[in-house]
Protein backbone atom coordinates (compact mmCIF):
# COMPACT_ATOMS: atom_id res chain seq x y z
CA MET A 1 75.43 88.58 61.92
CA ARG A 2 72.71 91.19 62.20
CA TYR A 3 69.19 90.07 62.93
CA ILE A 4 67.37 89.51 59.62
CA PRO A 5 63.67 90.44 59.83
CA SER A 6 60.98 88.57 58.00
CA PRO A 7 60.35 89.48 54.33
CA LEU A 8 57.09 91.20 55.32
CA LEU A 9 58.86 93.38 57.89
CA MET A 10 61.70 94.06 55.49
CA ALA A 11 59.26 95.25 52.84
CA PHE A 12 57.67 97.63 55.34
CA MET A 13 61.08 98.88 56.51
CA ALA A 14 62.26 99.45 52.94
CA ALA A 15 59.22 101.55 52.07
CA PHE A 16 59.45 103.46 55.35
CA MET A 17 63.17 104.21 55.07
CA THR A 18 63.00 105.44 51.49
CA GLY A 19 59.88 107.48 52.09
CA THR A 20 58.42 105.97 48.94
CA ALA A 21 54.67 105.54 48.98
CA PHE A 22 54.49 102.46 46.77
CA ALA A 23 51.11 100.97 46.08
CA ALA A 24 51.04 97.79 48.16
CA PRO A 25 51.51 94.85 45.78
CA GLN A 26 49.62 91.69 46.43
CA ALA A 27 51.46 89.06 48.41
CA LEU A 28 52.29 86.08 46.22
CA PRO A 29 49.90 83.22 46.97
CA LEU A 30 51.58 80.11 48.20
CA LYS A 31 52.47 76.84 46.54
CA ALA A 32 49.54 76.41 44.12
CA ALA A 33 50.02 79.82 42.50
CA CYS A 34 53.77 79.32 42.21
CA GLU A 35 53.46 75.92 40.58
CA SER A 36 50.83 77.21 38.15
CA PHE A 37 53.71 78.67 36.11
CA ASN A 38 55.02 75.19 35.36
CA GLY A 39 55.18 74.46 31.64
CA ILE A 40 53.43 77.61 30.44
CA GLU A 41 54.59 79.50 27.37
CA LEU A 42 54.73 83.25 27.02
CA PRO A 43 54.45 84.73 23.54
CA SER A 44 57.55 86.28 22.03
CA GLN A 45 55.61 89.57 21.88
CA VAL A 46 56.30 90.17 25.59
CA ILE A 47 59.90 90.87 24.51
CA ALA A 48 60.70 94.10 22.67
CA LEU A 49 63.40 92.44 20.54
CA PRO A 50 63.08 89.71 17.89
CA SER A 51 62.85 86.46 19.80
CA GLY A 52 61.44 82.98 19.94
CA PRO A 53 58.77 81.96 22.48
CA VAL A 54 59.40 81.81 26.21
CA ARG A 55 58.88 78.57 28.11
CA ILE A 56 58.71 78.30 31.90
CA GLU A 57 60.42 74.99 32.56
CA SER A 58 59.81 74.81 36.29
CA ALA A 59 58.35 76.83 39.13
CA ALA A 60 58.58 75.62 42.68
CA LEU A 61 58.43 76.95 46.20
CA GLN A 62 61.85 77.05 47.89
CA ALA A 63 62.21 76.74 51.65
CA ALA A 64 63.85 79.44 53.72
CA ARG A 65 67.49 78.80 54.63
CA ALA A 66 69.92 79.99 57.27
CA PRO A 67 73.25 81.65 56.39
CA SER A 68 76.47 79.67 56.19
CA VAL A 69 80.08 80.15 55.12
CA VAL A 70 82.52 77.80 53.40
CA GLU A 71 86.29 77.65 53.76
CA ARG A 72 87.18 78.53 50.16
CA GLY A 73 85.59 80.32 47.23
CA PRO A 74 86.51 82.29 44.10
CA THR A 75 85.85 85.63 45.85
CA PRO A 76 85.41 86.70 49.48
CA ALA A 77 81.66 87.17 49.01
CA ALA A 78 81.29 83.80 47.27
CA ARG A 79 82.25 82.03 50.49
CA PHE A 80 78.93 83.12 51.99
CA SER A 81 75.65 81.34 51.43
CA PRO A 82 73.32 84.12 52.61
CA ALA A 83 70.08 83.69 54.49
CA LEU A 84 67.05 83.41 52.21
CA PRO A 85 63.31 83.61 52.83
CA GLU A 86 60.75 81.26 51.37
CA PHE A 87 60.32 82.16 47.71
CA CYS A 88 59.08 80.93 44.34
CA ARG A 89 61.89 79.98 41.96
CA VAL A 90 60.98 80.27 38.28
CA LEU A 91 63.31 78.69 35.72
CA GLY A 92 62.85 79.09 31.99
CA ALA A 93 64.34 79.61 28.56
CA ILE A 94 63.86 82.00 25.66
CA ALA A 95 64.07 80.25 22.30
CA PRO A 96 66.45 81.72 19.72
CA VAL A 97 65.51 83.04 16.31
CA ASP A 98 68.38 81.10 14.71
CA PRO A 99 67.77 77.40 15.42
CA GLN A 100 71.56 76.91 15.60
CA ALA A 101 71.87 79.39 18.47
CA PRO A 102 71.53 78.30 22.10
CA PRO A 103 68.53 79.39 24.18
CA ILE A 104 68.70 82.14 26.79
CA ARG A 105 68.18 80.62 30.22
CA PHE A 106 66.93 82.64 33.17
CA GLN A 107 65.95 82.42 36.83
CA ILE A 108 63.37 84.68 38.48
CA ASN A 109 62.92 84.67 42.25
CA LEU A 110 59.54 85.82 43.59
CA PRO A 111 59.33 86.67 47.31
CA MET A 112 56.17 85.82 49.20
CA THR A 113 55.83 89.50 50.15
CA TRP A 114 57.10 91.94 47.56
CA ASN A 115 58.34 95.50 48.08
CA GLY A 116 57.41 96.66 44.56
CA ARG A 117 60.99 96.62 43.26
CA SER A 118 63.14 94.31 41.13
CA VAL A 119 66.89 93.77 40.78
CA GLN A 120 68.53 92.21 37.75
CA TYR A 121 71.94 90.67 38.44
CA GLY A 122 74.72 90.83 35.84
CA GLY A 123 77.08 88.02 34.96
CA GLY A 124 80.85 87.53 34.89
CA GLY A 125 83.69 86.48 32.61
CA PHE A 126 82.23 85.10 29.39
CA ASN A 127 79.05 84.07 31.23
CA GLY A 128 77.65 80.71 30.13
CA VAL A 129 76.57 79.95 33.70
CA LEU A 130 73.07 80.75 34.96
CA ILE A 131 73.10 83.66 37.42
CA ASN A 132 70.57 82.65 40.08
CA ALA A 133 70.32 86.17 41.60
CA LEU A 134 70.33 84.79 45.16
CA ALA A 135 73.80 86.00 46.15
CA MET A 136 75.04 89.27 47.60
CA ILE A 137 75.15 92.12 45.15
CA PRO A 138 78.63 93.43 44.24
CA ALA A 139 80.56 94.97 47.16
CA ALA A 140 77.66 94.48 49.61
CA PRO A 141 78.48 94.17 53.31
CA PHE A 142 78.69 90.50 54.27
CA ASP A 143 76.08 90.89 57.02
CA GLN A 144 73.52 92.76 54.91
CA PRO A 145 70.35 90.87 53.87
CA VAL A 146 70.40 90.07 50.16
CA PRO A 147 67.81 91.81 47.95
CA LEU A 148 65.46 88.80 47.91
CA SER A 149 65.37 88.87 51.72
CA GLN A 150 64.55 92.58 51.52
CA GLY A 151 61.49 91.87 49.38
CA TYR A 152 62.92 92.50 45.89
CA VAL A 153 62.12 90.26 42.94
CA THR A 154 65.54 89.20 41.66
CA TYR A 155 66.56 87.61 38.37
CA GLY A 156 69.52 86.67 36.20
CA THR A 157 70.53 84.86 33.03
CA ASP A 158 73.34 82.84 31.45
CA SER A 159 73.41 85.49 28.66
CA GLY A 160 72.32 83.04 25.98
CA HIS A 161 74.86 80.23 25.97
CA GLN A 162 75.90 77.37 28.21
CA ASN A 163 79.53 76.45 28.94
CA LYS A 164 80.49 72.89 28.03
CA PRO A 165 83.25 70.74 29.51
CA GLY A 166 86.35 70.68 27.35
CA GLU A 167 85.34 73.74 25.31
CA PRO A 168 86.94 77.18 25.66
CA PRO A 169 84.46 79.63 27.24
CA GLN A 170 84.60 81.84 24.12
CA THR A 171 83.36 79.13 21.71
CA PHE A 172 79.81 80.51 21.60
CA ALA A 173 81.02 83.67 19.79
CA LEU A 174 81.24 81.73 16.52
CA ASN A 175 77.41 82.00 16.36
CA ASP A 176 76.16 85.51 15.53
CA GLU A 177 72.97 85.37 17.61
CA ALA A 178 74.79 83.96 20.63
CA LEU A 179 77.31 86.81 20.36
CA LEU A 180 74.53 89.38 20.05
CA ASN A 181 72.85 87.93 23.13
CA PHE A 182 76.11 88.07 25.10
CA ALA A 183 76.73 91.63 23.96
CA HIS A 184 73.39 93.06 25.05
CA ALA A 185 70.20 91.38 23.77
CA SER A 186 69.86 88.65 26.42
CA TYR A 187 69.77 91.10 29.33
CA LYS A 188 67.02 93.12 27.68
CA LYS A 189 65.05 90.00 26.78
CA VAL A 190 65.23 88.56 30.29
CA ARG A 191 64.29 91.92 31.76
CA ASP A 192 61.13 91.97 29.65
CA VAL A 193 60.25 88.39 30.57
CA ALA A 194 60.77 89.14 34.26
CA VAL A 195 58.42 92.13 34.09
CA GLU A 196 55.73 89.93 32.51
CA VAL A 197 56.16 87.22 35.16
CA ILE A 198 55.98 89.87 37.90
CA LYS A 199 52.74 91.24 36.45
CA ARG A 200 51.21 87.77 36.36
CA SER A 201 52.38 87.03 39.90
CA TYR A 202 51.43 90.19 41.78
CA GLY A 203 48.90 91.89 39.51
CA GLN A 204 51.22 94.77 38.61
CA GLY A 205 54.68 95.41 37.26
CA PRO A 206 57.64 96.66 39.29
CA GLN A 207 57.49 100.28 40.31
CA LYS A 208 61.28 100.60 40.40
CA LEU A 209 63.77 98.50 38.45
CA TYR A 210 67.45 98.19 39.33
CA PHE A 211 70.46 96.53 37.69
CA VAL A 212 73.60 95.53 39.57
CA GLY A 213 76.72 93.95 38.13
CA SER A 214 80.47 93.56 38.52
CA SER A 215 83.18 93.05 35.87
CA GLU A 216 81.32 91.68 32.81
CA GLY A 217 78.13 92.37 34.77
CA GLY A 218 79.30 95.95 35.24
CA ARG A 219 79.65 96.25 31.47
CA GLU A 220 76.13 94.89 31.14
CA GLY A 221 74.83 97.56 33.51
CA LEU A 222 76.39 100.38 31.51
CA THR A 223 75.12 98.71 28.35
CA MET A 224 71.57 98.95 29.69
CA ALA A 225 71.98 102.68 30.38
CA GLN A 226 73.35 103.25 26.88
CA ARG A 227 71.21 100.92 24.73
CA TYR A 228 67.99 100.56 26.75
CA PRO A 229 67.77 103.80 28.73
CA GLN A 230 64.04 103.43 29.52
CA ASP A 231 64.37 100.04 31.21
CA PHE A 232 66.01 100.77 34.58
CA ASP A 233 65.65 103.43 37.25
CA GLY A 234 69.00 102.78 38.91
CA ILE A 235 72.20 100.97 37.89
CA PHE A 236 75.23 100.01 39.98
CA SER A 237 78.27 99.08 37.89
CA ARG A 238 81.37 97.78 39.71
CA VAL A 239 84.75 97.33 37.97
CA PRO A 240 83.07 97.28 34.53
CA VAL A 241 84.91 95.82 31.52
CA ILE A 242 83.34 98.47 29.31
CA HIS A 243 86.31 99.10 26.96
CA TRP A 244 85.99 95.43 26.01
CA THR A 245 87.85 95.23 22.72
CA GLY A 246 90.78 97.24 24.03
CA LEU A 247 90.92 95.02 27.13
CA GLN A 248 91.13 91.77 25.16
CA HIS A 249 93.90 93.14 22.95
CA ALA A 250 95.73 94.46 26.02
CA GLY A 251 95.48 91.00 27.58
CA LEU A 252 97.17 89.60 24.48
CA ARG A 253 99.91 92.24 24.50
CA ASP A 254 100.58 91.97 28.23
CA GLY A 255 100.74 88.18 28.05
CA MET A 256 103.24 88.29 25.20
CA ALA A 257 105.36 90.68 27.29
CA LEU A 258 105.89 87.80 29.73
CA MET A 259 107.40 85.58 27.05
CA ASN A 260 111.13 85.39 26.26
CA GLY A 261 112.27 85.95 29.82
CA GLY A 262 109.63 88.45 30.95
CA TRP A 263 107.72 86.10 33.28
CA MET A 264 108.16 86.66 37.04
CA ALA A 265 108.06 84.08 39.80
CA PRO A 266 105.95 84.76 42.94
CA ALA A 267 108.98 86.00 44.91
CA GLN A 268 109.67 88.61 42.24
CA VAL A 269 106.01 89.68 42.17
CA LYS A 270 106.23 90.14 45.94
CA LEU A 271 109.41 92.17 45.43
CA VAL A 272 107.64 94.59 43.09
CA GLY A 273 104.63 94.86 45.39
CA GLN A 274 106.83 95.73 48.36
CA ALA A 275 108.75 98.30 46.33
CA VAL A 276 105.49 100.00 45.38
CA LEU A 277 104.44 100.15 49.04
CA THR A 278 107.83 101.57 50.03
CA ALA A 279 107.50 104.31 47.42
CA CYS A 280 103.81 105.13 47.85
CA ASP A 281 102.11 103.67 50.94
CA ALA A 282 102.83 106.52 53.38
CA ALA A 283 102.04 109.29 50.87
CA ASP A 284 98.54 109.64 52.36
CA GLY A 285 99.99 110.18 55.84
CA LEU A 286 99.67 106.59 57.06
CA ALA A 287 101.70 103.46 56.30
CA ASP A 288 98.96 100.82 56.39
CA GLY A 289 99.63 98.62 53.37
CA VAL A 290 97.20 100.57 51.15
CA VAL A 291 98.25 102.92 48.35
CA SER A 292 95.55 105.56 48.68
CA ASP A 293 96.76 107.62 45.72
CA PRO A 294 97.68 105.22 42.90
CA VAL A 295 97.62 108.04 40.34
CA GLY A 296 100.30 109.90 42.28
CA CYS A 297 102.16 106.62 42.74
CA ARG A 298 102.70 106.46 38.99
CA GLN A 299 105.19 109.32 39.39
CA ARG A 300 106.77 108.01 42.63
CA PHE A 301 107.44 104.39 41.67
CA ASP A 302 110.14 103.53 39.12
CA VAL A 303 110.48 99.83 38.36
CA ARG A 304 113.90 100.40 36.78
CA LYS A 305 115.36 100.73 40.28
CA LEU A 306 114.74 96.98 40.71
CA GLN A 307 116.80 95.93 37.69
CA CYS A 308 119.61 93.47 38.35
CA GLU A 309 123.21 94.57 38.13
CA GLY A 310 124.43 90.99 38.26
CA ALA A 311 122.74 87.63 37.78
CA ALA A 312 118.98 87.38 38.05
CA ASN A 313 117.55 86.36 41.45
CA ASP A 314 114.52 86.84 43.69
CA SER A 315 115.76 90.24 44.89
CA CYS A 316 115.89 91.95 41.49
CA LEU A 317 114.42 91.91 37.98
CA THR A 318 116.07 91.31 34.64
CA ALA A 319 115.87 93.82 31.83
CA ALA A 320 113.17 91.68 30.16
CA GLN A 321 111.12 91.63 33.37
CA VAL A 322 111.44 95.39 33.83
CA LYS A 323 110.26 95.86 30.26
CA ALA A 324 107.27 93.59 30.93
CA VAL A 325 106.24 95.69 33.95
CA GLN A 326 106.59 98.86 31.91
CA THR A 327 104.42 97.32 29.19
CA LEU A 328 101.66 96.50 31.68
CA GLY A 329 101.62 100.08 32.90
CA SER A 330 101.60 101.61 29.41
CA PRO A 331 98.55 102.37 27.28
CA LEU A 332 97.87 100.12 24.31
CA ARG A 333 97.53 102.08 21.09
CA MET A 334 95.20 100.26 18.68
CA ASP A 335 95.81 100.12 14.94
CA VAL A 336 92.03 100.27 14.42
CA GLU A 337 89.57 102.93 15.54
CA LEU A 338 87.07 101.37 17.94
CA ALA A 339 83.49 102.32 18.81
CA ASN A 340 82.98 105.92 19.90
CA GLY A 341 86.31 106.99 18.42
CA LEU A 342 88.56 105.22 20.94
CA ARG A 343 92.00 104.02 19.93
CA GLU A 344 93.76 103.53 23.26
CA TYR A 345 93.36 101.21 26.24
CA PRO A 346 94.90 102.59 29.45
CA GLY A 347 97.72 100.88 31.33
CA ARG A 348 97.39 99.22 34.73
CA GLY A 349 98.89 99.79 38.18
CA PRO A 350 100.74 100.50 40.30
CA SER A 351 99.38 99.06 43.62
CA GLY A 352 98.00 95.65 44.47
CA GLU A 353 100.66 93.70 42.58
CA ALA A 354 101.23 91.20 45.39
CA ILE A 355 97.73 90.95 46.84
CA PRO A 356 97.56 87.28 47.86
CA ALA A 357 95.60 85.30 45.32
CA PHE A 358 92.15 84.76 46.82
CA ALA A 359 91.47 81.29 45.43
CA ALA A 360 93.46 82.40 42.36
CA THR A 361 91.68 85.72 41.87
CA GLY A 362 94.02 88.41 43.19
CA GLY A 363 96.95 90.56 42.07
CA TRP A 364 99.43 89.79 39.32
CA MET A 365 99.66 86.10 40.16
CA ALA A 366 96.01 85.59 39.28
CA TRP A 367 95.41 88.02 36.44
CA TRP A 368 98.76 88.59 34.74
CA THR A 369 101.67 86.30 35.58
CA GLY A 370 99.70 83.20 36.53
CA ALA A 371 101.24 80.03 37.92
CA THR A 372 103.10 79.42 34.66
CA ALA A 373 104.42 81.56 31.83
CA PRO A 374 102.00 82.14 28.91
CA SER A 375 101.63 79.05 26.73
CA LEU A 376 100.12 78.24 23.36
CA PRO A 377 97.27 77.61 23.27
CA PRO A 378 96.45 79.77 26.33
CA GLN A 379 95.75 77.70 29.45
CA PRO A 380 93.90 78.52 32.70
CA SER A 381 97.18 78.08 34.61
CA ASN A 382 98.50 81.12 32.76
CA GLY A 383 97.34 84.55 33.86
CA ILE A 384 93.58 84.93 33.43
CA ALA A 385 94.05 87.98 31.18
CA TRP A 386 96.13 85.86 28.76
CA PHE A 387 93.64 83.00 28.82
CA TYR A 388 90.70 85.35 28.31
CA GLY A 389 92.39 87.72 25.87
CA GLY A 390 93.98 85.02 23.72
CA GLY A 391 90.69 83.12 23.51
CA ALA A 392 88.78 86.29 22.63
CA ILE A 393 91.23 87.03 19.81
CA GLN A 394 90.71 83.52 18.42
CA TYR A 395 86.92 83.30 18.68
CA PHE A 396 85.64 86.90 18.57
CA TYR A 397 88.01 88.71 16.22
CA ALA A 398 89.95 86.24 14.06
CA ARG A 399 87.20 83.59 14.32
CA ASN A 400 89.91 80.99 14.00
CA PRO A 401 90.14 78.67 17.03
CA SER A 402 93.49 77.29 15.87
CA LEU A 403 95.11 80.71 15.39
CA ASP A 404 98.61 81.16 16.83
CA VAL A 405 97.81 84.37 18.68
CA THR A 406 101.44 85.48 18.68
CA THR A 407 101.11 86.05 14.92
CA TYR A 408 97.91 88.12 15.22
CA GLN A 409 97.92 91.65 13.83
CA ALA A 410 94.87 93.81 14.55
CA ARG A 411 95.14 95.69 11.27
CA ASP A 412 94.60 92.40 9.39
CA HIS A 413 91.18 92.05 11.06
CA ALA A 414 90.11 95.70 11.06
CA ALA A 415 86.56 95.18 9.75
CA ARG A 416 85.80 92.42 12.25
CA ILE A 417 87.31 94.38 15.13
CA LYS A 418 85.06 97.33 14.35
CA GLU A 419 82.03 95.04 14.13
CA VAL A 420 82.72 93.39 17.50
CA SER A 421 83.63 96.71 19.10
CA ALA A 422 80.26 98.15 18.06
CA LEU A 423 78.58 95.18 19.75
CA MET A 424 80.67 94.76 22.89
CA ASP A 425 82.20 98.08 23.88
CA SER A 426 79.97 100.00 26.29
CA THR A 427 81.76 103.32 25.85
CA ASN A 428 79.04 105.59 24.44
CA PRO A 429 79.20 108.78 26.55
CA ASP A 430 75.75 110.00 25.50
CA LEU A 431 73.54 109.07 28.46
CA SER A 432 71.05 111.86 27.81
CA ALA A 433 68.08 109.50 27.34
CA PHE A 434 68.87 107.67 30.58
CA HIS A 435 69.21 110.98 32.41
CA ALA A 436 65.98 112.35 30.88
CA ARG A 437 63.95 109.39 32.18
CA GLY A 438 65.32 110.05 35.69
CA GLY A 439 67.85 107.21 35.76
CA LYS A 440 70.70 107.20 38.28
CA LEU A 441 74.08 105.52 37.74
CA ILE A 442 76.84 104.66 40.22
CA VAL A 443 80.20 103.31 39.04
CA LEU A 444 82.80 101.86 41.42
CA GLU A 445 86.39 101.25 40.31
CA ASN A 446 88.80 99.22 42.45
CA MET A 447 92.20 100.80 41.98
CA ALA A 448 94.29 97.65 42.51
CA ASP A 449 92.46 95.85 39.70
CA TYR A 450 94.46 93.84 37.16
CA ALA A 451 91.55 92.03 35.55
CA GLN A 452 90.85 95.30 33.76
CA SER A 453 92.21 98.81 34.02
CA PRO A 454 90.30 101.04 36.45
CA TYR A 455 91.47 103.93 34.31
CA ALA A 456 89.13 102.71 31.56
CA GLY A 457 86.15 103.44 33.82
CA ILE A 458 87.67 106.74 34.87
CA GLY A 459 88.17 107.64 31.22
CA TYR A 460 84.56 106.77 30.48
CA TYR A 461 83.32 108.98 33.31
CA GLU A 462 85.40 111.88 32.02
CA SER A 463 84.00 111.33 28.52
CA VAL A 464 80.45 111.58 29.90
CA ARG A 465 81.36 114.83 31.66
CA GLN A 466 82.83 116.19 28.44
CA LYS A 467 79.77 115.14 26.41
CA MET A 468 77.03 116.15 28.85
CA GLY A 469 78.68 118.77 31.02
CA ALA A 470 79.95 118.49 34.58
CA ASP A 471 76.75 119.75 36.26
CA THR A 472 74.43 117.51 34.25
CA THR A 473 76.65 114.48 34.87
CA GLN A 474 76.72 115.21 38.60
CA ALA A 475 72.92 115.22 38.60
CA PHE A 476 72.65 111.54 37.68
CA MET A 477 76.08 109.82 37.81
CA ARG A 478 78.71 109.11 40.45
CA LEU A 479 82.17 107.57 40.12
CA TYR A 480 83.83 106.17 43.25
CA THR A 481 87.35 104.74 43.49
CA ALA A 482 88.41 102.22 46.15
CA PRO A 483 92.19 102.25 46.74
CA GLY A 484 94.04 99.00 47.36
CA VAL A 485 91.09 96.80 46.36
CA ASP A 486 91.47 94.18 43.64
CA HIS A 487 88.95 93.02 41.05
CA VAL A 488 87.02 90.71 43.39
CA GLY A 489 87.09 92.83 46.54
CA ALA A 490 90.25 91.73 48.37
CA GLY A 491 93.29 93.64 49.61
CA ALA A 492 91.72 96.58 51.47
CA PRO A 493 88.33 97.73 52.82
CA ALA A 494 85.96 96.92 49.95
CA ASN A 495 82.35 96.51 51.18
CA VAL A 496 79.77 99.29 50.87
CA ASP A 497 75.98 99.40 50.96
CA MET A 498 75.58 100.64 47.42
CA LEU A 499 72.01 99.38 46.92
CA SER A 500 70.75 101.64 49.71
CA ALA A 501 72.70 104.60 48.29
CA LEU A 502 71.20 103.95 44.87
CA THR A 503 67.60 103.52 46.05
CA GLN A 504 67.80 106.64 48.22
CA TRP A 505 68.96 108.61 45.18
CA VAL A 506 66.36 107.16 42.81
CA GLU A 507 63.38 107.22 45.15
CA ASN A 508 64.13 110.10 47.51
CA GLY A 509 66.41 112.34 45.48
CA GLN A 510 69.16 111.99 48.11
CA ALA A 511 72.33 112.09 46.02
CA PRO A 512 75.22 110.13 47.57
CA GLY A 513 78.34 111.91 48.79
CA THR A 514 81.30 110.30 50.52
CA LEU A 515 80.41 106.73 51.47
CA GLU A 516 82.08 104.28 53.85
CA LEU A 517 84.05 101.15 52.97
CA LEU A 518 84.06 98.25 55.42
CA ASP A 519 86.80 95.69 55.94
CA GLN A 520 84.95 92.65 57.32
CA SER A 521 85.90 89.15 58.37
CA VAL A 522 84.86 86.33 56.06
CA SER A 523 83.17 84.45 58.89
CA LEU A 524 80.02 83.99 60.90
CA PRO A 525 79.48 86.10 62.84
CA VAL A 526 80.83 88.86 60.60
CA ASN A 527 83.26 91.13 62.43
CA LEU A 528 84.22 94.67 61.48
CA ILE A 529 88.00 95.10 61.15
CA ARG A 530 88.38 98.67 59.91
CA THR A 531 86.64 101.33 57.82
CA ARG A 532 87.77 103.84 55.21
CA PRO A 533 85.98 106.64 53.34
CA LEU A 534 84.92 105.83 49.79
CA CYS A 535 85.70 109.00 47.89
CA GLN A 536 84.25 110.37 44.70
CA TRP A 537 86.78 110.64 41.88
CA PRO A 538 89.24 112.39 41.76
CA LEU A 539 89.49 112.69 45.58
CA VAL A 540 91.50 110.19 47.65
CA PRO A 541 91.43 109.43 51.40
CA ARG A 542 94.19 111.16 53.37
CA TYR A 543 94.92 110.43 57.02
CA GLN A 544 94.23 113.31 59.43
CA GLY A 545 95.27 111.64 62.69
CA GLY A 546 93.37 109.54 65.22
CA ASP A 547 92.26 105.91 65.05
CA ALA A 548 93.96 104.41 61.99
CA ASN A 549 91.13 101.88 61.64
CA ALA A 550 88.31 104.46 61.52
CA ALA A 551 87.02 106.23 58.43
CA ALA A 552 86.52 109.39 60.52
CA SER A 553 90.31 109.74 60.73
CA PHE A 554 90.52 110.38 56.99
CA LYS A 555 89.30 113.10 54.63
CA CYS A 556 88.65 112.89 50.90
CA LEU A 557 91.07 115.37 49.37
CA GLN A 558 93.00 115.96 46.15
């Protein structure tokens, strides 16, 4: 692990490195000032959207802690419990307008010495769990101090509903206000509350505001740029599920493709993954287990070559299994026009099919095939996309929890689909207001992602370029693609210091170019295994000779 300076030194270093002459905020007084927040109410007027009052339920000083790592976790980063400084933890809730709707819960973390900045953390999945904003930000190097240790105020929310044992995670969507909060309102409301708490704590509001999120949190980040363009100076969106309605319907379609003989056992998934590597791995000049050019691999890999000539076994695929793989890789054409004129959700793959499941969150076996073939009703042991997509169809679109999703026809629910799409889909390419206020946006797509299609994010980026022009888009937006990396950051070098790249761009005007991906051990101390360039789309890393484990041996080329 690197030496982690004190919060006071980190604040000084941050200001020095960015060249930003921030007015020095007041250090947060100790315990008495922190606990003075206990039980106070803030008027709903501090929030720019219709809302109930805000109650601070607790505020208490938290002791500093040393870093640690656990043996298992849902993602590589989640195995780390990062070092934290002493800070004031503020917990509270925003009352709903509809008394039948749940409150919006939030956590705000106030460092003893503040650097003048704030970071809002996005959520994941269907949310319903309070984001404490104490963890690493998406894709961050494992040995990098978390934002709170760097002097940022950090905060997060449960998005306005709380998961309950025995209930599907989509149940909240039956309430209109809870759905609105999940779509976008809760993130705006908590942002406004956090700014008010910061003002009361330090005597001034944040001078720079950032938003970071992955998956659902990545969608939330792009939602902020589109719906609330004045609220954030910089946004980092990793693997965003922005084409949300298309994704849920694709999850339904792809799950149904595994029925009636289409499901594949782990040995067959491994067979497909190896065939993809054989066809595509060395195309970048180096056979290293990473498909650097997955777009080109779409032309080189033909799953039909794996079809059985005799009886089915672990060394071949049946016709039904081949058809299922082809379905996954094909775009889904919707019967209903979605928000911003979209009708198609892009296909997925190839590459990353057989990434070992990292605590059940990697490759096909986590997201598509699951441990068991799709069942009715959808179960967590099925692929996550089936469990998520089937539940979304029931609760968001059909609003019928007992619906047999295999009988669902989108055209029968056209009005509701359009309504939910207008709420949930963060696909509006007009970012002119965000650009005009000086906002900067970085999107990172992991190209071995089967939780969502990375080509949805690529398509969104291209739509922004078409709407705003290539030069204008380049002035405020970057799209990076990480080959061989799955949804949660496993499979290939995946860690990058994106917060520094974003702050340098926002505060110093230093636009990021090619960045560097790190492959690090999930251990203490953290060891560096290899590095790769992180290229801007549409470039890919191609081996030029030299040390195969060094980014300098590659160039970003077409």
